[in-house]
């Protein structure tokens, strides 16, 4: 909004350009370093932790304690249950370093529609390519399949439909 207003003003009056450098610019104080580089994981961690703008060092140190847990949740959501995570706080930034480790892969996937909907040809299973054997566990794909089934149930009038069982089991050897 500010950039649009400044652009509009700039076209009408060049005098306003002198004020633009005086506007406060906050640099994000969160640095996420992932080895090896993983853009999806970096974006997810940044989303879980959120922007850290103009915080004093003491506040960054307090946030560092919760950042590890948030980064772990973000990594697990993408199937990285063995991630090594540490943080470092400087006067100007919180740095989160992550070595994701080997991702959990799917071994067995069963999606089944039971009851009257199973007999209705229009009621179809969602695309399960992302949940095939050997695919990396991605909780977003799992949730997307559930939403598809719930959406179809509502569309075809199965308002009392429910999931009898829904679970993701990650073996202790994979954690």
Protein backbone atom coordinates (compact mmCIF):
# COMPACT_ATOMS: atom_id res chain seq x y z
CA UNK A 1 0.00 0.00 0.00
CA UNK A 2 2.76 2.43 0.91
CA UNK A 3 4.72 1.66 -2.26
CA UNK A 4 1.62 2.17 -4.42
CA UNK A 5 0.80 5.48 -2.76
CA UNK A 6 4.39 6.65 -3.15
CA UNK A 7 4.38 5.69 -6.83
CA UNK A 8 1.18 7.61 -7.42
CA UNK A 9 2.47 10.66 -5.58
CA UNK A 10 5.78 10.44 -7.45
CA UNK A 11 4.01 10.73 -10.79
CA UNK A 12 2.17 13.85 -9.62
CA UNK A 13 4.84 15.57 -7.53
CA UNK A 14 8.59 14.99 -7.52
CA UNK A 15 8.98 16.77 -4.17
CA UNK A 16 7.68 13.69 -2.33
CA UNK A 17 10.62 11.62 -3.53
CA UNK A 18 12.85 13.32 -0.97
CA UNK A 19 10.73 11.91 1.86
CA UNK A 20 10.91 8.27 0.76
CA UNK A 21 14.43 7.57 2.09
CA UNK A 22 13.30 8.79 5.52
CA UNK A 23 10.64 6.06 5.80
CA UNK A 24 11.63 3.40 8.35
CA UNK A 25 12.83 0.19 6.77
CA UNK A 26 12.90 -2.87 9.02
CA UNK A 27 15.11 -5.75 8.05
CA UNK A 28 13.85 -9.17 9.02
CA UNK A 29 16.01 -10.39 11.87
CA UNK A 30 15.45 -14.08 11.14
CA UNK A 31 18.09 -16.02 9.20
CA UNK A 32 17.42 -19.65 8.34
CA UNK A 33 20.41 -21.63 7.12
CA UNK A 34 19.76 -25.17 5.88
CA UNK A 35 22.49 -27.61 4.89
CA UNK A 36 22.09 -28.87 2.25
CA UNK A 37 20.01 -26.04 0.79
CA UNK A 38 16.27 -26.80 0.88
CA UNK A 39 14.02 -23.92 -0.24
CA UNK A 40 10.75 -25.60 0.81
CA UNK A 41 12.03 -26.31 4.31
CA UNK A 42 13.47 -22.79 4.64
CA UNK A 43 10.13 -21.26 3.65
CA UNK A 44 8.23 -23.51 6.06
CA UNK A 45 10.53 -22.67 8.98
CA UNK A 46 10.24 -18.96 8.22
CA UNK A 47 6.45 -19.34 8.15
CA UNK A 48 6.34 -21.17 11.49
CA UNK A 49 8.63 -18.69 13.26
CA UNK A 50 7.35 -15.55 11.55
CA UNK A 51 9.01 -12.23 10.89
CA UNK A 52 11.22 -10.74 13.57
CA UNK A 53 11.45 -7.02 13.03
CA UNK A 54 13.33 -4.48 15.11
CA UNK A 55 13.66 -6.61 18.25
CA UNK A 56 16.31 -6.04 20.92
CA UNK A 57 18.88 -8.76 21.58
CA UNK A 58 17.17 -9.87 24.82
CA UNK A 59 13.92 -10.53 22.95
CA UNK A 60 15.80 -12.41 20.22
CA UNK A 61 17.40 -14.60 22.91
CA UNK A 62 14.00 -15.35 24.42
CA UNK A 63 12.60 -16.24 20.99
CA UNK A 64 15.59 -18.49 20.26
CA UNK A 65 14.30 -20.99 22.82
CA UNK A 66 10.94 -21.37 21.09
CA UNK A 67 12.43 -21.12 17.60
CA UNK A 68 13.97 -24.59 17.94
CA UNK A 69 10.56 -26.15 18.68
CA UNK A 70 8.93 -24.17 15.86
CA UNK A 71 11.66 -25.18 13.41
CA UNK A 72 11.24 -28.82 14.47
CA UNK A 73 7.48 -28.65 13.81
CA UNK A 74 8.15 -27.08 10.42
CA UNK A 75 10.67 -29.79 9.55
CA UNK A 76 8.41 -32.63 10.68
CA UNK A 77 5.53 -31.23 8.62
CA UNK A 78 7.73 -31.88 5.56
CA UNK A 79 8.85 -35.31 6.74
CA UNK A 80 12.16 -34.43 8.41
CA UNK A 81 11.90 -36.12 11.80
CA UNK A 82 15.67 -36.36 12.40
CA UNK A 83 16.56 -32.70 11.91
CA UNK A 84 19.47 -31.28 13.88
CA UNK A 85 18.58 -27.71 14.86
CA UNK A 86 20.50 -25.03 16.70
CA UNK A 87 20.24 -21.27 17.07
CA UNK A 88 22.58 -18.35 17.47
CA UNK A 89 21.70 -14.82 18.55
CA UNK A 90 23.68 -11.76 17.59
CA UNK A 91 22.89 -8.13 18.32
CA UNK A 92 20.98 -7.91 15.06
CA UNK A 93 19.59 -11.36 14.19
CA UNK A 94 18.40 -14.79 15.25
CA UNK A 95 20.04 -17.47 13.12
CA UNK A 96 18.48 -20.94 12.93
CA UNK A 97 20.76 -23.65 11.50
CA UNK A 98 19.18 -26.89 10.34
CA UNK A 99 20.56 -30.14 9.02
CA UNK A 100 17.33 -31.89 8.01
CA UNK A 101 18.66 -35.44 7.87
CA UNK A 102 16.97 -38.19 5.90
CA UNK A 103 13.26 -37.62 5.28
CA UNK A 104 10.67 -40.17 6.37
CA UNK A 105 9.21 -42.01 3.40
CA UNK A 106 5.81 -43.65 3.17
CA UNK A 107 5.74 -47.39 3.52
CA UNK A 108 2.03 -48.19 3.60
CA UNK A 109 -0.85 -45.94 2.57
CA UNK A 110 -4.47 -47.00 2.73
CA UNK A 111 -7.31 -44.66 1.78
CA UNK A 112 -10.73 -46.24 1.62
CA UNK A 113 -14.28 -44.93 1.32
CA UNK A 114 -16.84 -47.07 3.12
CA UNK A 115 -20.61 -46.95 3.44
CA UNK A 116 -23.11 -45.60 0.89
CA UNK A 117 -20.56 -43.23 -0.69
CA UNK A 118 -18.45 -46.21 -1.77
CA UNK A 119 -21.33 -47.27 -4.06
CA UNK A 120 -21.72 -43.84 -5.62
CA UNK A 121 -19.61 -43.59 -8.82
CA UNK A 122 -19.35 -39.78 -8.60
CA UNK A 123 -17.72 -40.01 -5.18
CA UNK A 124 -14.10 -40.59 -6.08
CA UNK A 125 -10.87 -40.95 -4.21
CA UNK A 126 -8.53 -38.00 -4.51
CA UNK A 127 -5.28 -38.09 -6.44
CA UNK A 128 -2.93 -40.17 -4.31
CA UNK A 129 0.32 -39.71 -6.28
CA UNK A 130 1.83 -37.65 -3.45
CA UNK A 131 0.98 -40.41 -0.96
CA UNK A 132 2.44 -43.39 -2.84
CA UNK A 133 4.82 -45.92 -1.31
CA UNK A 134 8.32 -44.46 -1.18
CA UNK A 135 7.19 -40.81 -1.36
CA UNK A 136 8.50 -38.41 1.28
CA UNK A 137 6.02 -37.82 4.10
CA UNK A 138 4.48 -34.38 3.70
CA UNK A 139 1.69 -33.61 6.17
CA UNK A 140 0.27 -31.01 3.78
CA UNK A 141 -0.42 -33.68 1.16
CA UNK A 142 -2.05 -35.89 3.79
CA UNK A 143 -4.30 -33.02 4.93
CA UNK A 144 -5.15 -32.18 1.31
CA UNK A 145 -6.45 -35.73 0.73
CA UNK A 146 -8.59 -35.49 3.86
CA UNK A 147 -10.01 -32.12 2.76
CA UNK A 148 -10.86 -33.56 -0.66
CA UNK A 149 -12.81 -36.42 0.91
CA UNK A 150 -14.63 -34.06 3.31
CA UNK A 151 -15.48 -31.70 0.45
CA UNK A 152 -16.94 -34.50 -1.64
CA UNK A 153 -18.91 -35.81 1.33
CA UNK A 154 -20.49 -32.37 1.78
CA UNK A 155 -21.10 -31.97 -1.97
CA UNK A 156 -23.00 -35.26 -2.17
CA UNK A 157 -24.98 -34.79 1.03
CA UNK A 158 -23.05 -37.03 3.43
CA UNK A 159 -23.17 -34.46 6.21
CA UNK A 160 -22.78 -37.02 8.98
CA UNK A 161 -19.78 -38.64 7.28
CA UNK A 162 -16.67 -38.94 9.42
CA UNK A 163 -13.25 -40.49 9.40
CA UNK A 164 -13.37 -43.73 11.40
CA UNK A 165 -9.61 -43.73 11.58
CA UNK A 166 -7.03 -41.19 10.49
CA UNK A 167 -3.43 -41.44 11.53
CA UNK A 168 0.15 -41.08 10.52
CA UNK A 169 2.56 -43.38 12.33
CA UNK A 170 6.25 -42.60 12.26
CA UNK A 171 8.37 -45.47 13.50
CA UNK A 172 10.84 -44.92 16.32
CA UNK A 173 13.70 -45.87 13.97
CA UNK A 174 12.68 -42.99 11.68
CA UNK A 175 12.51 -40.29 14.37
